[in-house]
Amino acid sequence: MLKGFTVAVVALISTAQLDLYLTDGRYTDAAMAMLRQIRHAFGF
């Protein structure tokens, strides 16, 4: 389980870094804004 979690974290970090390099973080920023809205909707 820990190995799967580690692989998922590395994949997400790699994808975010690639997004920052190729599109100046446009998709990472949109995903983070969406997560903030979801968190707000649940009252966190």
PDB file of N, CA and C in Angstrom:
ATOM      1  N   MET A   1       0.823  -1.186   0.000  1.00  0.00           N
ATOM      2  CA  MET A   1       0.000   0.000   0.000  1.00  0.00           C
ATOM      3  C   MET A   1       0.872   1.257   0.000  1.00  0.00           C
ATOM      4  N   LEU A   2       1.916   1.236   0.788  1.00  0.00           N
ATOM      5  CA  LEU A   2       2.801   2.396   0.850  1.00  0.00           C
ATOM      6  C   LEU A   2       3.484   2.626  -0.498  1.00  0.00           C
ATOM      7  N   LYS A   3       3.841   1.532  -1.168  1.00  0.00           N
ATOM      8  CA  LYS A   3       4.487   1.661  -2.478  1.00  0.00           C
ATOM      9  C   LYS A   3       3.529   2.313  -3.485  1.00  0.00           C
ATOM     10  N   GLY A   4       2.264   1.903  -3.467  1.00  0.00           N
ATOM     11  CA  GLY A   4       1.268   2.497  -4.361  1.00  0.00           C
ATOM     12  C   GLY A   4       1.056   3.971  -4.083  1.00  0.00           C
ATOM     13  N   PHE A   5       1.006   4.322  -2.805  1.00  0.00           N
ATOM     14  CA  PHE A   5       0.844   5.723  -2.417  1.00  0.00           C
ATOM     15  C   PHE A   5       2.037   6.548  -2.888  1.00  0.00           C
ATOM     16  N   THR A   6       3.236   5.999  -2.713  1.00  0.00           N
ATOM     17  CA  THR A   6       4.450   6.688  -3.136  1.00  0.00           C
ATOM     18  C   THR A   6       4.472   6.890  -4.645  1.00  0.00           C
ATOM     19  N   VAL A   7       4.073   5.874  -5.387  1.00  0.00           N
ATOM     20  CA  VAL A   7       4.029   5.984  -6.846  1.00  0.00           C
ATOM     21  C   VAL A   7       3.018   7.049  -7.267  1.00  0.00           C
ATOM     22  N   ALA A   8       1.864   7.086  -6.614  1.00  0.00           N
ATOM     23  CA  ALA A   8       0.841   8.089  -6.945  1.00  0.00           C
ATOM     24  C   ALA A   8       1.342   9.503  -6.655  1.00  0.00           C
ATOM     25  N   VAL A   9       2.015   9.699  -5.531  1.00  0.00           N
ATOM     26  CA  VAL A   9       2.541  11.022  -5.177  1.00  0.00           C
ATOM     27  C   VAL A   9       3.607  11.463  -6.178  1.00  0.00           C
ATOM     28  N   VAL A  10       4.499  10.555  -6.535  1.00  0.00           N
ATOM     29  CA  VAL A  10       5.545  10.888  -7.506  1.00  0.00           C
ATOM     30  C   VAL A  10       4.924  11.221  -8.859  1.00  0.00           C
ATOM     31  N   ALA A  11       3.898  10.483  -9.264  1.00  0.00           N
ATOM     32  CA  ALA A  11       3.231  10.758 -10.537  1.00  0.00           C
ATOM     33  C   ALA A  11       2.561  12.132 -10.522  1.00  0.00           C
ATOM     34  N   LEU A  12       1.910  12.483  -9.427  1.00  0.00           N
ATOM     35  CA  LEU A  12       1.259  13.794  -9.336  1.00  0.00           C
ATOM     36  C   LEU A  12       2.277  14.932  -9.345  1.00  0.00           C
ATOM     37  N   ILE A  13       3.363  14.753  -8.627  1.00  0.00           N
ATOM     38  CA  ILE A  13       4.397  15.790  -8.601  1.00  0.00           C
ATOM     39  C   ILE A  13       5.028  15.937  -9.983  1.00  0.00           C
ATOM     40  N   SER A  14       5.287  14.816 -10.634  1.00  0.00           N
ATOM     41  CA  SER A  14       5.877  14.864 -11.976  1.00  0.00           C
ATOM     42  C   SER A  14       4.945  15.556 -12.961  1.00  0.00           C
ATOM     43  N   THR A  15       3.655  15.240 -12.873  1.00  0.00           N
ATOM     44  CA  THR A  15       2.675  15.862 -13.763  1.00  0.00           C
ATOM     45  C   THR A  15       2.601  17.367 -13.511  1.00  0.00           C
ATOM     46  N   ALA A  16       2.623  17.767 -12.259  1.00  0.00           N
ATOM     47  CA  ALA A  16       2.574  19.194 -11.928  1.00  0.00           C
ATOM     48  C   ALA A  16       3.817  19.907 -12.454  1.00  0.00           C
ATOM     49  N   GLN A  17       4.982  19.292 -12.312  1.00  0.00           N
ATOM     50  CA  GLN A  17       6.213  19.907 -12.803  1.00  0.00           C
ATOM     51  C   GLN A  17       6.200  20.021 -14.323  1.00  0.00           C
ATOM     52  N   LEU A  18       5.710  18.996 -14.983  1.00  0.00           N
ATOM     53  CA  LEU A  18       5.603  19.031 -16.442  1.00  0.00           C
ATOM     54  C   LEU A  18       4.640  20.130 -16.890  1.00  0.00           C
ATOM     55  N   ASP A  19       3.524  20.279 -16.159  1.00  0.00           N
ATOM     56  CA  ASP A  19       2.563  21.334 -16.458  1.00  0.00           C
ATOM     57  C   ASP A  19       3.206  22.706 -16.275  1.00  0.00           C
ATOM     58  N   LEU A  20       3.962  22.888 -15.203  1.00  0.00           N
ATOM     59  CA  LEU A  20       4.642  24.174 -14.987  1.00  0.00           C
ATOM     60  C   LEU A  20       5.626  24.475 -16.111  1.00  0.00           C
ATOM     61  N   TYR A  21       6.293  23.450 -16.593  1.00  0.00           N
ATOM     62  CA  TYR A  21       7.286  23.634 -17.656  1.00  0.00           C
ATOM     63  C   TYR A  21       6.627  23.930 -19.001  1.00  0.00           C
ATOM     64  N   LEU A  22       5.559  23.195 -19.328  1.00  0.00           N
ATOM     65  CA  LEU A  22       4.961  23.317 -20.663  1.00  0.00           C
ATOM     66  C   LEU A  22       3.922  24.430 -20.792  1.00  0.00           C
ATOM     67  N   THR A  23       3.103  24.642 -19.751  1.00  0.00           N
ATOM     68  CA  THR A  23       1.993  25.594 -19.873  1.00  0.00           C
ATOM     69  C   THR A  23       1.986  26.643 -18.767  1.00  0.00           C
ATOM     70  N   ASP A  24       3.120  26.845 -18.127  1.00  0.00           N
ATOM     71  CA  ASP A  24       3.248  27.827 -17.041  1.00  0.00           C
ATOM     72  C   ASP A  24       2.267  27.571 -15.902  1.00  0.00           C
ATOM     73  N   GLY A  25       1.915  26.289 -15.681  1.00  0.00           N
ATOM     74  CA  GLY A  25       1.083  25.924 -14.546  1.00  0.00           C
ATOM     75  C   GLY A  25      -0.395  26.198 -14.704  1.00  0.00           C
ATOM     76  N   ARG A  26      -0.859  26.402 -15.907  1.00  0.00           N
ATOM     77  CA  ARG A  26      -2.265  26.734 -16.133  1.00  0.00           C
ATOM     78  C   ARG A  26      -3.189  25.640 -15.607  1.00  0.00           C
ATOM     79  N   TYR A  27      -2.901  24.396 -15.891  1.00  0.00           N
ATOM     80  CA  TYR A  27      -3.779  23.303 -15.482  1.00  0.00           C
ATOM     81  C   TYR A  27      -3.638  22.986 -14.000  1.00  0.00           C
ATOM     82  N   THR A  28      -2.444  23.134 -13.470  1.00  0.00           N
ATOM     83  CA  THR A  28      -2.242  22.922 -12.037  1.00  0.00           C
ATOM     84  C   THR A  28      -3.007  23.983 -11.249  1.00  0.00           C
ATOM     85  N   ASP A  29      -2.956  25.222 -11.689  1.00  0.00           N
ATOM     86  CA  ASP A  29      -3.689  26.290 -11.012  1.00  0.00           C
ATOM     87  C   ASP A  29      -5.192  26.047 -11.064  1.00  0.00           C
ATOM     88  N   ALA A  30      -5.697  25.593 -12.214  1.00  0.00           N
ATOM     89  CA  ALA A  30      -7.130  25.309 -12.350  1.00  0.00           C
ATOM     90  C   ALA A  30      -7.544  24.148 -11.441  1.00  0.00           C
ATOM     91  N   ALA A  31      -6.709  23.119 -11.364  1.00  0.00           N
ATOM     92  CA  ALA A  31      -7.022  21.980 -10.495  1.00  0.00           C
ATOM     93  C   ALA A  31      -7.032  22.401  -9.025  1.00  0.00           C
ATOM     94  N   MET A  32      -6.079  23.232  -8.635  1.00  0.00           N
ATOM     95  CA  MET A  32      -6.038  23.689  -7.246  1.00  0.00           C
ATOM     96  C   MET A  32      -7.246  24.568  -6.927  1.00  0.00           C
ATOM     97  N   ALA A  33      -7.671  25.410  -7.867  1.00  0.00           N
ATOM     98  CA  ALA A  33      -8.857  26.241  -7.652  1.00  0.00           C
ATOM     99  C   ALA A  33     -10.101  25.362  -7.502  1.00  0.00           C
ATOM    100  N   MET A  34     -10.186  24.304  -8.297  1.00  0.00           N
ATOM    101  CA  MET A  34     -11.311  23.388  -8.205  1.00  0.00           C
ATOM    102  C   MET A  34     -11.319  22.680  -6.846  1.00  0.00           C
ATOM    103  N   LEU A  35     -10.144  22.246  -6.379  1.00  0.00           N
ATOM    104  CA  LEU A  35     -10.069  21.599  -5.069  1.00  0.00           C
ATOM    105  C   LEU A  35     -10.445  22.558  -3.943  1.00  0.00           C
ATOM    106  N   ARG A  36     -10.060  23.834  -4.067  1.00  0.00           N
ATOM    107  CA  ARG A  36     -10.455  24.824  -3.052  1.00  0.00           C
ATOM    108  C   ARG A  36     -11.970  24.989  -3.026  1.00  0.00           C
ATOM    109  N   GLN A  37     -12.608  25.003  -4.192  1.00  0.00           N
ATOM    110  CA  GLN A  37     -14.063  25.142  -4.252  1.00  0.00           C
ATOM    111  C   GLN A  37     -14.764  23.919  -3.665  1.00  0.00           C
ATOM    112  N   ILE A  38     -14.233  22.735  -3.926  1.00  0.00           N
ATOM    113  CA  ILE A  38     -14.809  21.511  -3.359  1.00  0.00           C
ATOM    114  C   ILE A  38     -14.680  21.537  -1.844  1.00  0.00           C
ATOM    115  N   ARG A  39     -13.494  21.927  -1.352  1.00  0.00           N
ATOM    116  CA  ARG A  39     -13.281  22.009   0.090  1.00  0.00           C
ATOM    117  C   ARG A  39     -14.236  23.019   0.717  1.00  0.00           C
ATOM    118  N   HIS A  40     -14.431  24.147   0.054  1.00  0.00           N
ATOM    119  CA  HIS A  40     -15.336  25.181   0.544  1.00  0.00           C
ATOM    120  C   HIS A  40     -16.782  24.657   0.568  1.00  0.00           C
ATOM    121  N   ALA A  41     -17.165  23.890  -0.449  1.00  0.00           N
ATOM    122  CA  ALA A  41     -18.523  23.363  -0.518  1.00  0.00           C
ATOM    123  C   ALA A  41     -18.813  22.399   0.631  1.00  0.00           C
ATOM    124  N   PHE A  42     -17.806  21.671   1.102  1.00  0.00           N
ATOM    125  CA  PHE A  42     -17.986  20.761   2.219  1.00  0.00           C
ATOM    126  C   PHE A  42     -17.757  21.428   3.569  1.00  0.00           C
ATOM    127  N   GLY A  43     -17.418  22.711   3.568  1.00  0.00           N
ATOM    128  CA  GLY A  43     -17.282  23.456   4.809  1.00  0.00           C
ATOM    129  C   GLY A  43     -15.965  23.301   5.525  1.00  0.00           C
ATOM    130  N   PHE A  44     -14.917  22.922   4.818  1.00  0.00           N
ATOM    131  CA  PHE A  44     -13.594  22.781   5.445  1.00  0.00           C
ATOM    132  C   PHE A  44     -12.801  24.033   5.311  1.00  0.00           C
TER     133      PHE A  44
END
